């Protein structure tokens, strides 16, 4: 499956001016062309991830100053941002307006409208982004949710609005198609959510009808101090899968085929999502399958001659390596 990552239900919910949206008919038609191409030219599924940037919106594209406001002298003007509370993401970021109940109802309807558009475009999977300090994540973490109404306080109250949005989307998304939620399972900062809180969050979304939890972490505050390492977020997916009893997606520093196979085989997650490896090599999955001599993957028919040559060359390299190993063993 390929995923269209965070796409906004309104113009103000974009992270950057370059981000995708799904708030009008022209965007729906454009996405339908992409979805139809994927379905017509491959056996792949394609998913849509909907989310609102919240306090991290109106910022520069990722290859410039990530998460920093648009330059005043640039081609794009900064737009106002909203959040659970008036807590800016950083010293240079705007102070967001705390959402009123009117704002919340309007945005919920926009998420519903975008969900209907995603269904009309033919997407196979829908994911709601509730991670990384964006708007719905800003409700869930106590570091950015300072509200004193029914949407603030304990973790159940902090999850109330994201759950309302999810339920409204689930009600109009086709019942036979899966819907997932991406969460930050650890804020990696004092006073923030912990993996224990993530269990509660996942259980609440499961009860609301979520099929899969996409388990990321961090990026909710600039004070975060993650402990990076190979597959460093997989333990969170493992706990949620096996304690909550819901399917999970493992993400983060998964860069080798052995990582993927060990995670799935050990029952730590049901799926693995890899972004950066595919940015470096769009055919990463095909190349890794070839290294294993596995044919259980579809290649574009235009590339079949290249596939056969690759499998042959890799098999030959494997045989040469085995011969060398036997020779070295005989010498010893």
C-alpha atoms as a PDB file:
ATOM      1  CA  UNK A   1       0.000   0.000   0.000  1.00  0.00           C
ATOM      2  CA  UNK A   2       1.052   3.574  -0.667  1.00  0.00           C
ATOM      3  CA  UNK A   3      -0.159   6.418   1.532  1.00  0.00           C
ATOM      4  CA  UNK A   4      -0.907  10.035   0.680  1.00  0.00           C
ATOM      5  CA  UNK A   5       0.357  11.653   3.849  1.00  0.00           C
ATOM      6  CA  UNK A   6      -1.204  14.488   5.801  1.00  0.00           C
ATOM      7  CA  UNK A   7      -3.835  16.150   3.649  1.00  0.00           C
ATOM      8  CA  UNK A   8      -5.907  18.986   5.079  1.00  0.00           C
ATOM      9  CA  UNK A   9      -9.706  19.330   5.137  1.00  0.00           C
ATOM     10  CA  UNK A  10      -9.390  23.124   4.780  1.00  0.00           C
ATOM     11  CA  UNK A  11      -6.798  25.657   3.532  1.00  0.00           C
ATOM     12  CA  UNK A  12      -5.804  26.758   7.042  1.00  0.00           C
ATOM     13  CA  UNK A  13      -5.034  23.197   8.087  1.00  0.00           C
ATOM     14  CA  UNK A  14      -2.089  22.797   5.739  1.00  0.00           C
ATOM     15  CA  UNK A  15       1.344  22.532   7.295  1.00  0.00           C
ATOM     16  CA  UNK A  16       3.020  24.410   4.431  1.00  0.00           C
ATOM     17  CA  UNK A  17       1.868  26.112   1.207  1.00  0.00           C
ATOM     18  CA  UNK A  18       3.051  22.982  -0.633  1.00  0.00           C
ATOM     19  CA  UNK A  19       0.811  20.567   1.284  1.00  0.00           C
ATOM     20  CA  UNK A  20      -2.136  18.764  -0.266  1.00  0.00           C
ATOM     21  CA  UNK A  21      -5.781  19.420   0.529  1.00  0.00           C
ATOM     22  CA  UNK A  22      -9.149  17.766   0.044  1.00  0.00           C
ATOM     23  CA  UNK A  23     -11.707  20.522   0.491  1.00  0.00           C
ATOM     24  CA  UNK A  24     -13.121  20.997  -3.009  1.00  0.00           C
ATOM     25  CA  UNK A  25     -14.310  19.115  -6.087  1.00  0.00           C
ATOM     26  CA  UNK A  26     -11.205  19.901  -8.143  1.00  0.00           C
ATOM     27  CA  UNK A  27      -8.970  18.264  -5.525  1.00  0.00           C
ATOM     28  CA  UNK A  28     -11.285  15.254  -5.358  1.00  0.00           C
ATOM     29  CA  UNK A  29     -11.109  14.833  -9.136  1.00  0.00           C
ATOM     30  CA  UNK A  30      -7.312  15.193  -9.114  1.00  0.00           C
ATOM     31  CA  UNK A  31      -6.932  12.552  -6.429  1.00  0.00           C
ATOM     32  CA  UNK A  32      -9.352  10.263  -8.261  1.00  0.00           C
ATOM     33  CA  UNK A  33      -7.059  10.330 -11.295  1.00  0.00           C
ATOM     34  CA  UNK A  34      -4.163   9.245  -9.085  1.00  0.00           C
ATOM     35  CA  UNK A  35      -6.193   6.527  -7.347  1.00  0.00           C
ATOM     36  CA  UNK A  36      -7.520   5.215 -10.656  1.00  0.00           C
ATOM     37  CA  UNK A  37      -3.977   5.097 -12.046  1.00  0.00           C
ATOM     38  CA  UNK A  38      -2.729   3.103  -9.041  1.00  0.00           C
ATOM     39  CA  UNK A  39      -5.632   0.668  -9.289  1.00  0.00           C
ATOM     40  CA  UNK A  40      -5.392   0.398 -13.055  1.00  0.00           C
ATOM     41  CA  UNK A  41      -1.641  -0.097 -13.308  1.00  0.00           C
ATOM     42  CA  UNK A  42      -0.863  -2.174 -10.214  1.00  0.00           C
ATOM     43  CA  UNK A  43      -2.279  -4.404  -7.507  1.00  0.00           C
ATOM     44  CA  UNK A  44      -1.328  -1.844  -4.857  1.00  0.00           C
ATOM     45  CA  UNK A  45      -3.796  -0.270  -2.459  1.00  0.00           C
ATOM     46  CA  UNK A  46      -3.705   3.458  -1.768  1.00  0.00           C
ATOM     47  CA  UNK A  47      -4.584   5.231   1.469  1.00  0.00           C
ATOM     48  CA  UNK A  48      -5.434   8.808   2.406  1.00  0.00           C
ATOM     49  CA  UNK A  49      -4.254  10.405   5.655  1.00  0.00           C
ATOM     50  CA  UNK A  50      -6.325  13.386   6.781  1.00  0.00           C
ATOM     51  CA  UNK A  51      -5.104  15.841   9.383  1.00  0.00           C
ATOM     52  CA  UNK A  52      -4.995  19.491  10.447  1.00  0.00           C
ATOM     53  CA  UNK A  53      -1.688  21.207  11.219  1.00  0.00           C
ATOM     54  CA  UNK A  54      -2.928  23.206  14.208  1.00  0.00           C
ATOM     55  CA  UNK A  55      -0.103  25.126  15.948  1.00  0.00           C
ATOM     56  CA  UNK A  56       2.478  23.772  13.477  1.00  0.00           C
ATOM     57  CA  UNK A  57       0.741  25.244  10.437  1.00  0.00           C
ATOM     58  CA  UNK A  58       1.764  28.125   8.194  1.00  0.00           C
ATOM     59  CA  UNK A  59       5.379  26.933   8.142  1.00  0.00           C
ATOM     60  CA  UNK A  60       8.102  26.457   5.558  1.00  0.00           C
ATOM     61  CA  UNK A  61       8.449  23.363   3.383  1.00  0.00           C
ATOM     62  CA  UNK A  62      10.488  20.537   4.860  1.00  0.00           C
ATOM     63  CA  UNK A  63      13.665  21.157   2.889  1.00  0.00           C
ATOM     64  CA  UNK A  64      13.824  24.767   4.162  1.00  0.00           C
ATOM     65  CA  UNK A  65      13.501  25.643   7.866  1.00  0.00           C
ATOM     66  CA  UNK A  66      11.195  22.873   8.985  1.00  0.00           C
ATOM     67  CA  UNK A  67       8.458  23.877  11.463  1.00  0.00           C
ATOM     68  CA  UNK A  68       9.475  27.554  11.269  1.00  0.00           C
ATOM     69  CA  UNK A  69       7.080  30.302  10.060  1.00  0.00           C
ATOM     70  CA  UNK A  70       7.017  31.427   6.459  1.00  0.00           C
ATOM     71  CA  UNK A  71       9.418  34.328   5.853  1.00  0.00           C
ATOM     72  CA  UNK A  72       7.728  37.727   5.870  1.00  0.00           C
ATOM     73  CA  UNK A  73       9.317  38.642   2.547  1.00  0.00           C
ATOM     74  CA  UNK A  74       8.477  35.368   0.840  1.00  0.00           C
ATOM     75  CA  UNK A  75       5.902  34.618  -1.866  1.00  0.00           C
ATOM     76  CA  UNK A  76       3.376  33.266   0.665  1.00  0.00           C
ATOM     77  CA  UNK A  77       1.760  35.067   3.582  1.00  0.00           C
ATOM     78  CA  UNK A  78       1.440  33.411   6.970  1.00  0.00           C
ATOM     79  CA  UNK A  79      -2.131  32.470   7.860  1.00  0.00           C
ATOM     80  CA  UNK A  80      -3.681  32.335  11.369  1.00  0.00           C
ATOM     81  CA  UNK A  81      -3.398  29.042  13.247  1.00  0.00           C
ATOM     82  CA  UNK A  82      -5.571  27.319  15.858  1.00  0.00           C
ATOM     83  CA  UNK A  83      -4.992  24.739  18.563  1.00  0.00           C
ATOM     84  CA  UNK A  84      -6.464  23.228  21.696  1.00  0.00           C
ATOM     85  CA  UNK A  85      -4.944  26.077  23.710  1.00  0.00           C
ATOM     86  CA  UNK A  86      -2.940  29.226  23.027  1.00  0.00           C
ATOM     87  CA  UNK A  87       0.428  27.461  23.232  1.00  0.00           C
ATOM     88  CA  UNK A  88       2.904  28.194  20.390  1.00  0.00           C
ATOM     89  CA  UNK A  89       5.028  25.350  19.062  1.00  0.00           C
ATOM     90  CA  UNK A  90       8.206  27.420  19.268  1.00  0.00           C
ATOM     91  CA  UNK A  91       9.566  30.880  19.971  1.00  0.00           C
ATOM     92  CA  UNK A  92       9.207  31.911  16.333  1.00  0.00           C
ATOM     93  CA  UNK A  93       5.868  30.199  15.721  1.00  0.00           C
ATOM     94  CA  UNK A  94       2.578  32.022  15.980  1.00  0.00           C
ATOM     95  CA  UNK A  95       0.568  31.796  19.175  1.00  0.00           C
ATOM     96  CA  UNK A  96      -2.479  29.823  18.051  1.00  0.00           C
ATOM     97  CA  UNK A  97      -6.030  30.802  18.842  1.00  0.00           C
ATOM     98  CA  UNK A  98      -7.631  28.410  21.327  1.00  0.00           C
ATOM     99  CA  UNK A  99     -10.482  26.704  19.516  1.00  0.00           C
ATOM    100  CA  UNK A 100     -14.016  27.556  20.543  1.00  0.00           C
ATOM    101  CA  UNK A 101     -16.816  25.005  20.412  1.00  0.00           C
ATOM    102  CA  UNK A 102     -18.002  26.713  17.224  1.00  0.00           C
ATOM    103  CA  UNK A 103     -14.564  26.233  15.661  1.00  0.00           C
ATOM    104  CA  UNK A 104     -14.572  22.599  16.729  1.00  0.00           C
ATOM    105  CA  UNK A 105     -17.980  21.838  15.226  1.00  0.00           C
ATOM    106  CA  UNK A 106     -17.054  23.539  11.955  1.00  0.00           C
ATOM    107  CA  UNK A 107     -13.764  21.654  11.660  1.00  0.00           C
ATOM    108  CA  UNK A 108     -15.415  18.342  12.501  1.00  0.00           C
ATOM    109  CA  UNK A 109     -17.803  18.882   9.597  1.00  0.00           C
ATOM    110  CA  UNK A 110     -14.884  19.698   7.313  1.00  0.00           C
ATOM    111  CA  UNK A 111     -13.225  16.414   8.295  1.00  0.00           C
ATOM    112  CA  UNK A 112     -16.487  14.630   7.477  1.00  0.00           C
ATOM    113  CA  UNK A 113     -16.690  16.378   4.103  1.00  0.00           C
ATOM    114  CA  UNK A 114     -13.064  15.434   3.331  1.00  0.00           C
ATOM    115  CA  UNK A 115     -13.820  11.836   4.303  1.00  0.00           C
ATOM    116  CA  UNK A 116     -16.687  11.730   1.828  1.00  0.00           C
ATOM    117  CA  UNK A 117     -14.364  13.137  -0.834  1.00  0.00           C
ATOM    118  CA  UNK A 118     -11.735  10.485  -0.071  1.00  0.00           C
ATOM    119  CA  UNK A 119     -14.381   7.788  -0.498  1.00  0.00           C
ATOM    120  CA  UNK A 120     -15.582   9.368  -3.751  1.00  0.00           C
ATOM    121  CA  UNK A 121     -11.996   9.405  -5.045  1.00  0.00           C
ATOM    122  CA  UNK A 122     -11.810   5.653  -4.437  1.00  0.00           C
ATOM    123  CA  UNK A 123      -9.217   5.421  -1.673  1.00  0.00           C
ATOM    124  CA  UNK A 124      -8.881   1.985  -0.051  1.00  0.00           C
ATOM    125  CA  UNK A 125      -7.867   3.131   3.419  1.00  0.00           C
ATOM    126  CA  UNK A 126      -8.360   6.223   5.570  1.00  0.00           C
ATOM    127  CA  UNK A 127      -6.121   7.406   8.375  1.00  0.00           C
ATOM    128  CA  UNK A 128      -6.760  10.225  10.847  1.00  0.00           C
ATOM    129  CA  UNK A 129      -3.578  12.032  11.950  1.00  0.00           C
ATOM    130  CA  UNK A 130      -3.587  12.515  15.732  1.00  0.00           C
ATOM    131  CA  UNK A 131       0.180  12.665  16.227  1.00  0.00           C
ATOM    132  CA  UNK A 132       3.244  14.917  16.083  1.00  0.00           C
ATOM    133  CA  UNK A 133       1.811  18.021  17.726  1.00  0.00           C
ATOM    134  CA  UNK A 134      -0.671  18.829  14.980  1.00  0.00           C
ATOM    135  CA  UNK A 135      -4.161  19.964  15.928  1.00  0.00           C
ATOM    136  CA  UNK A 136      -5.754  16.731  17.168  1.00  0.00           C
ATOM    137  CA  UNK A 137      -2.495  15.700  18.807  1.00  0.00           C
ATOM    138  CA  UNK A 138      -2.435  19.084  20.560  1.00  0.00           C
ATOM    139  CA  UNK A 139      -5.687  18.086  22.282  1.00  0.00           C
ATOM    140  CA  UNK A 140      -4.303  14.729  23.408  1.00  0.00           C
ATOM    141  CA  UNK A 141      -1.035  15.831  25.015  1.00  0.00           C
ATOM    142  CA  UNK A 142      -1.205  17.684  28.363  1.00  0.00           C
ATOM    143  CA  UNK A 143       1.737  19.856  27.276  1.00  0.00           C
ATOM    144  CA  UNK A 144      -0.458  21.754  24.807  1.00  0.00           C
ATOM    145  CA  UNK A 145      -3.970  21.129  26.117  1.00  0.00           C
ATOM    146  CA  UNK A 146      -4.500  23.558  28.985  1.00  0.00           C
ATOM    147  CA  UNK A 147      -8.282  23.734  28.600  1.00  0.00           C
ATOM    148  CA  UNK A 148     -10.593  23.934  31.620  1.00  0.00           C
ATOM    149  CA  UNK A 149     -13.737  22.754  29.805  1.00  0.00           C
ATOM    150  CA  UNK A 150     -14.865  19.185  29.066  1.00  0.00           C
ATOM    151  CA  UNK A 151     -12.091  18.877  26.458  1.00  0.00           C
ATOM    152  CA  UNK A 152      -9.253  19.367  28.947  1.00  0.00           C
ATOM    153  CA  UNK A 153      -7.946  17.761  32.109  1.00  0.00           C
ATOM    154  CA  UNK A 154      -7.640  13.983  32.278  1.00  0.00           C
ATOM    155  CA  UNK A 155      -6.660  11.862  29.319  1.00  0.00           C
ATOM    156  CA  UNK A 156     -10.228  10.803  28.560  1.00  0.00           C
ATOM    157  CA  UNK A 157     -11.268  14.458  28.286  1.00  0.00           C
ATOM    158  CA  UNK A 158      -8.213  15.355  26.213  1.00  0.00           C
ATOM    159  CA  UNK A 159      -9.137  12.605  23.752  1.00  0.00           C
ATOM    160  CA  UNK A 160     -12.778  13.707  23.604  1.00  0.00           C
ATOM    161  CA  UNK A 161     -12.533  15.991  20.572  1.00  0.00           C
ATOM    162  CA  UNK A 162     -10.261  13.712  18.482  1.00  0.00           C
ATOM    163  CA  UNK A 163     -12.706  10.886  19.233  1.00  0.00           C
ATOM    164  CA  UNK A 164     -15.662  13.028  18.176  1.00  0.00           C
ATOM    165  CA  UNK A 165     -13.926  13.777  14.898  1.00  0.00           C
ATOM    166  CA  UNK A 166     -13.022  10.125  14.386  1.00  0.00           C
ATOM    167  CA  UNK A 167     -16.553   8.863  15.064  1.00  0.00           C
ATOM    168  CA  UNK A 168     -18.047  11.410  12.679  1.00  0.00           C
ATOM    169  CA  UNK A 169     -15.591  10.338   9.966  1.00  0.00           C
ATOM    170  CA  UNK A 170     -16.102   6.635  10.629  1.00  0.00           C
ATOM    171  CA  UNK A 171     -19.866   7.128  10.228  1.00  0.00           C
ATOM    172  CA  UNK A 172     -19.486   8.272   6.603  1.00  0.00           C
ATOM    173  CA  UNK A 173     -16.441   6.191   5.598  1.00  0.00           C
ATOM    174  CA  UNK A 174     -17.480   2.889   3.926  1.00  0.00           C
ATOM    175  CA  UNK A 175     -17.962   0.289   6.657  1.00  0.00           C
ATOM    176  CA  UNK A 176     -16.066  -2.413   4.744  1.00  0.00           C
ATOM    177  CA  UNK A 177     -12.927  -0.295   4.376  1.00  0.00           C
ATOM    178  CA  UNK A 178     -10.307   0.053   7.133  1.00  0.00           C
ATOM    179  CA  UNK A 179      -9.701   3.213   9.109  1.00  0.00           C
ATOM    180  CA  UNK A 180      -6.618   3.875  11.209  1.00  0.00           C
ATOM    181  CA  UNK A 181      -5.405   6.563  13.594  1.00  0.00           C
ATOM    182  CA  UNK A 182      -1.833   7.797  13.914  1.00  0.00           C
ATOM    183  CA  UNK A 183      -0.771   8.676  17.455  1.00  0.00           C
ATOM    184  CA  UNK A 184       2.324   9.881  19.263  1.00  0.00           C
ATOM    185  CA  UNK A 185       2.821   7.117  21.803  1.00  0.00           C
ATOM    186  CA  UNK A 186       5.410   9.056  23.806  1.00  0.00           C
ATOM    187  CA  UNK A 187       5.970  12.806  24.143  1.00  0.00           C
ATOM    188  CA  UNK A 188       9.553  12.182  25.302  1.00  0.00           C
ATOM    189  CA  UNK A 189       9.238  15.224  27.599  1.00  0.00           C
ATOM    190  CA  UNK A 190       8.561  15.780  31.314  1.00  0.00           C
ATOM    191  CA  UNK A 191       4.853  16.105  32.051  1.00  0.00           C
ATOM    192  CA  UNK A 192       3.883  14.711  28.651  1.00  0.00           C
ATOM    193  CA  UNK A 193       2.151  11.535  27.598  1.00  0.00           C
ATOM    194  CA  UNK A 194       3.957   8.252  28.213  1.00  0.00           C
ATOM    195  CA  UNK A 195       3.627   4.774  26.687  1.00  0.00           C
ATOM    196  CA  UNK A 196       1.178   3.971  29.503  1.00  0.00           C
ATOM    197  CA  UNK A 197      -1.023   6.849  28.317  1.00  0.00           C
ATOM    198  CA  UNK A 198      -0.736   5.543  24.765  1.00  0.00           C
ATOM    199  CA  UNK A 199      -2.416   2.329  25.875  1.00  0.00           C
ATOM    200  CA  UNK A 200      -5.381   4.368  27.105  1.00  0.00           C
ATOM    201  CA  UNK A 201      -5.514   6.417  23.903  1.00  0.00           C
ATOM    202  CA  UNK A 202      -5.397   3.313  21.721  1.00  0.00           C
ATOM    203  CA  UNK A 203      -8.113   1.613  23.754  1.00  0.00           C
ATOM    204  CA  UNK A 204     -10.393   4.649  23.405  1.00  0.00           C
ATOM    205  CA  UNK A 205      -9.965   4.698  19.635  1.00  0.00           C
ATOM    206  CA  UNK A 206     -10.525   0.949  19.438  1.00  0.00           C
ATOM    207  CA  UNK A 207     -13.811   1.373  21.291  1.00  0.00           C
ATOM    208  CA  UNK A 208     -14.734   4.121  18.805  1.00  0.00           C
ATOM    209  CA  UNK A 209     -14.333   1.724  15.872  1.00  0.00           C
ATOM    210  CA  UNK A 210     -10.695   2.167  14.860  1.00  0.00           C
ATOM    211  CA  UNK A 211      -9.237  -0.817  13.012  1.00  0.00           C
ATOM    212  CA  UNK A 212      -5.505  -0.051  13.225  1.00  0.00           C
ATOM    213  CA  UNK A 213      -3.265   2.202  15.331  1.00  0.00           C
ATOM    214  CA  UNK A 214      -0.323   3.739  13.453  1.00  0.00           C
ATOM    215  CA  UNK A 215       2.221   4.101  16.252  1.00  0.00           C
ATOM    216  CA  UNK A 216       4.669   6.974  16.029  1.00  0.00           C
ATOM    217  CA  UNK A 217       6.057   9.162  18.834  1.00  0.00           C
ATOM    218  CA  UNK A 218       7.341  12.612  19.691  1.00  0.00           C
ATOM    219  CA  UNK A 219       7.275  15.878  17.745  1.00  0.00           C
ATOM    220  CA  UNK A 220       4.607  17.249  20.101  1.00  0.00           C
ATOM    221  CA  UNK A 221       6.989  19.697  21.761  1.00  0.00           C
ATOM    222  CA  UNK A 222      10.390  21.169  21.028  1.00  0.00           C
ATOM    223  CA  UNK A 223      11.438  20.055  24.518  1.00  0.00           C
ATOM    224  CA  UNK A 224      11.239  16.398  23.477  1.00  0.00           C
ATOM    225  CA  UNK A 225      14.366  14.290  23.947  1.00  0.00           C
ATOM    226  CA  UNK A 226      13.718  11.034  22.066  1.00  0.00           C
ATOM    227  CA  UNK A 227      16.007   8.068  22.531  1.00  0.00           C
ATOM    228  CA  UNK A 228      16.740   7.269  18.885  1.00  0.00           C
ATOM    229  CA  UNK A 229      17.902   3.911  17.611  1.00  0.00           C
ATOM    230  CA  UNK A 230      17.082   1.097  15.253  1.00  0.00           C
ATOM    231  CA  UNK A 231      13.316   0.398  15.320  1.00  0.00           C
ATOM    232  CA  UNK A 232      13.116   2.688  18.369  1.00  0.00           C
ATOM    233  CA  UNK A 233       9.341   3.147  18.166  1.00  0.00           C
ATOM    234  CA  UNK A 234       8.467  -0.507  17.612  1.00  0.00           C
ATOM    235  CA  UNK A 235       8.161  -1.293  21.364  1.00  0.00           C
ATOM    236  CA  UNK A 236       5.211   1.125  21.509  1.00  0.00           C
ATOM    237  CA  UNK A 237       3.452  -0.655  18.635  1.00  0.00           C
ATOM    238  CA  UNK A 238       4.220  -3.968  20.341  1.00  0.00           C
ATOM    239  CA  UNK A 239       2.622  -2.929  23.634  1.00  0.00           C
ATOM    240  CA  UNK A 240      -0.478  -1.477  22.017  1.00  0.00           C
ATOM    241  CA  UNK A 241      -0.988  -4.508  19.772  1.00  0.00           C
ATOM    242  CA  UNK A 242      -0.638  -7.040  22.537  1.00  0.00           C
ATOM    243  CA  UNK A 243      -2.168  -5.165  25.488  1.00  0.00           C
ATOM    244  CA  UNK A 244      -5.054  -3.436  23.718  1.00  0.00           C
ATOM    245  CA  UNK A 245      -5.709  -6.189  21.201  1.00  0.00           C
ATOM    246  CA  UNK A 246      -5.756  -4.006  18.112  1.00  0.00           C
ATOM    247  CA  UNK A 247      -3.732  -4.198  14.919  1.00  0.00           C
ATOM    248  CA  UNK A 248      -0.788  -1.803  14.734  1.00  0.00           C
ATOM    249  CA  UNK A 249       1.582  -0.251  12.222  1.00  0.00           C
ATOM    250  CA  UNK A 250       5.211   0.063  13.295  1.00  0.00           C
ATOM    251  CA  UNK A 251       7.162   3.068  12.006  1.00  0.00           C
ATOM    252  CA  UNK A 252      10.445   4.854  12.670  1.00  0.00           C
ATOM    253  CA  UNK A 253      14.041   3.855  11.856  1.00  0.00           C
ATOM    254  CA  UNK A 254      12.890   0.692  10.084  1.00  0.00           C
ATOM    255  CA  UNK A 255      15.307   0.583   7.178  1.00  0.00           C
ATOM    256  CA  UNK A 256      16.188  -3.049   6.441  1.00  0.00           C
ATOM    257  CA  UNK A 257      14.141  -6.009   5.304  1.00  0.00           C
ATOM    258  CA  UNK A 258      15.268  -7.976   8.369  1.00  0.00           C
ATOM    259  CA  UNK A 259      13.759  -5.267  10.559  1.00  0.00           C
ATOM    260  CA  UNK A 260      10.391  -5.663   8.839  1.00  0.00           C
ATOM    261  CA  UNK A 261      10.410  -9.461   8.863  1.00  0.00           C
ATOM    262  CA  UNK A 262      11.457  -9.709  12.512  1.00  0.00           C
ATOM    263  CA  UNK A 263       8.781  -7.225  13.632  1.00  0.00           C
ATOM    264  CA  UNK A 264       6.006  -9.048  11.799  1.00  0.00           C
ATOM    265  CA  UNK A 265       7.209 -12.572  12.638  1.00  0.00           C
ATOM    266  CA  UNK A 266       7.511 -11.764  16.338  1.00  0.00           C
ATOM    267  CA  UNK A 267       3.964 -10.401  16.465  1.00  0.00           C
ATOM    268  CA  UNK A 268       5.104  -6.927  17.438  1.00  0.00           C
ATOM    269  CA  UNK A 269       3.028  -5.218  14.721  1.00  0.00           C
ATOM    270  CA  UNK A 270       0.823  -6.179  11.796  1.00  0.00           C
ATOM    271  CA  UNK A 271       2.286  -3.770   9.238  1.00  0.00           C
ATOM    272  CA  UNK A 272       5.451  -1.717   8.843  1.00  0.00           C
ATOM    273  CA  UNK A 273       5.463   1.709   7.189  1.00  0.00           C
ATOM    274  CA  UNK A 274       8.682   2.970   5.610  1.00  0.00           C
ATOM    275  CA  UNK A 275       8.972   6.500   4.299  1.00  0.00           C
ATOM    276  CA  UNK A 276      12.586   7.663   4.127  1.00  0.00           C
ATOM    277  CA  UNK A 277      13.972   4.428   2.632  1.00  0.00           C
ATOM    278  CA  UNK A 278      11.541   4.891  -0.248  1.00  0.00           C
ATOM    279  CA  UNK A 279      12.575   8.515  -0.703  1.00  0.00           C
ATOM    280  CA  UNK A 280      16.122   7.269  -1.231  1.00  0.00           C
ATOM    281  CA  UNK A 281      15.018   4.309  -3.357  1.00  0.00           C
ATOM    282  CA  UNK A 282      11.416   4.304  -4.661  1.00  0.00           C
ATOM    283  CA  UNK A 283      11.805   0.600  -5.535  1.00  0.00           C
ATOM    284  CA  UNK A 284      13.083  -0.313  -2.043  1.00  0.00           C
ATOM    285  CA  UNK A 285      10.437  -2.996  -1.479  1.00  0.00           C
ATOM    286  CA  UNK A 286      11.087  -4.610  -4.851  1.00  0.00           C
ATOM    287  CA  UNK A 287      14.856  -4.584  -4.327  1.00  0.00           C
ATOM    288  CA  UNK A 288      14.614  -6.082  -0.834  1.00  0.00           C
ATOM    289  CA  UNK A 289      12.291  -8.840  -2.078  1.00  0.00           C
ATOM    290  CA  UNK A 290      14.804  -9.608  -4.814  1.00  0.00           C
ATOM    291  CA  UNK A 291      17.609  -9.975  -2.256  1.00  0.00           C
ATOM    292  CA  UNK A 292      15.499 -12.647  -0.583  1.00  0.00           C
ATOM    293  CA  UNK A 293      14.693 -14.225  -3.972  1.00  0.00           C
ATOM    294  CA  UNK A 294      11.018 -13.823  -3.064  1.00  0.00           C
ATOM    295  CA  UNK A 295       8.605 -13.613  -5.962  1.00  0.00           C
ATOM    296  CA  UNK A 296       5.646 -12.762  -3.728  1.00  0.00           C
ATOM    297  CA  UNK A 297       5.612  -9.169  -4.915  1.00  0.00           C
ATOM    298  CA  UNK A 298       4.275  -7.595  -8.099  1.00  0.00           C
ATOM    299  CA  UNK A 299       6.550  -5.621 -10.417  1.00  0.00           C
ATOM    300  CA  UNK A 300       5.256  -3.165 -13.027  1.00  0.00           C
ATOM    301  CA  UNK A 301       5.061  -5.146 -16.266  1.00  0.00           C
ATOM    302  CA  UNK A 302       7.271  -2.572 -17.991  1.00  0.00           C
ATOM    303  CA  UNK A 303      10.095  -3.521 -15.601  1.00  0.00           C
ATOM    304  CA  UNK A 304       9.871  -7.325 -15.802  1.00  0.00           C
ATOM    305  CA  UNK A 305      13.050  -7.748 -17.845  1.00  0.00           C
ATOM    306  CA  UNK A 306      14.920  -5.676 -15.274  1.00  0.00           C
ATOM    307  CA  UNK A 307      13.403  -7.778 -12.492  1.00  0.00           C
ATOM    308  CA  UNK A 308      14.575 -11.042 -14.030  1.00  0.00           C
ATOM    309  CA  UNK A 309      18.106  -9.743 -14.539  1.00  0.00           C
ATOM    310  CA  UNK A 310      18.242  -8.437 -10.951  1.00  0.00           C
ATOM    311  CA  UNK A 311      17.086 -11.755  -9.471  1.00  0.00           C
ATOM    312  CA  UNK A 312      19.637 -13.607 -11.609  1.00  0.00           C
ATOM    313  CA  UNK A 313      22.524 -11.317 -10.627  1.00  0.00           C
ATOM    314  CA  UNK A 314      21.671 -11.402  -6.924  1.00  0.00           C
ATOM    315  CA  UNK A 315      21.375 -15.189  -6.988  1.00  0.00           C
ATOM    316  CA  UNK A 316      24.764 -15.421  -8.701  1.00  0.00           C
ATOM    317  CA  UNK A 317      26.318 -13.131  -6.068  1.00  0.00           C
ATOM    318  CA  UNK A 318      24.801 -15.296  -3.331  1.00  0.00           C
ATOM    319  CA  UNK A 319      26.257 -18.461  -4.894  1.00  0.00           C
ATOM    320  CA  UNK A 320      29.705 -16.863  -5.234  1.00  0.00           C
ATOM    321  CA  UNK A 321      29.604 -15.750  -1.600  1.00  0.00           C
ATOM    322  CA  UNK A 322      28.642 -19.281  -0.530  1.00  0.00           C
ATOM    323  CA  UNK A 323      31.540 -20.766  -2.532  1.00  0.00           C
ATOM    324  CA  UNK A 324      33.958 -18.293  -0.948  1.00  0.00           C
ATOM    325  CA  UNK A 325      32.675 -19.160   2.506  1.00  0.00           C
ATOM    326  CA  UNK A 326      33.131 -22.888   1.864  1.00  0.00           C
ATOM    327  CA  UNK A 327      36.652 -22.296   0.575  1.00  0.00           C
ATOM    328  CA  UNK A 328      37.591 -20.284   3.640  1.00  0.00           C
ATOM    329  CA  UNK A 329      36.149 -22.983   5.889  1.00  0.00           C
ATOM    330  CA  UNK A 330      38.205 -25.638   4.089  1.00  0.00           C
ATOM    331  CA  UNK A 331      41.424 -23.623   4.567  1.00  0.00           C
ATOM    332  CA  UNK A 332      40.755 -23.339   8.293  1.00  0.00           C
END
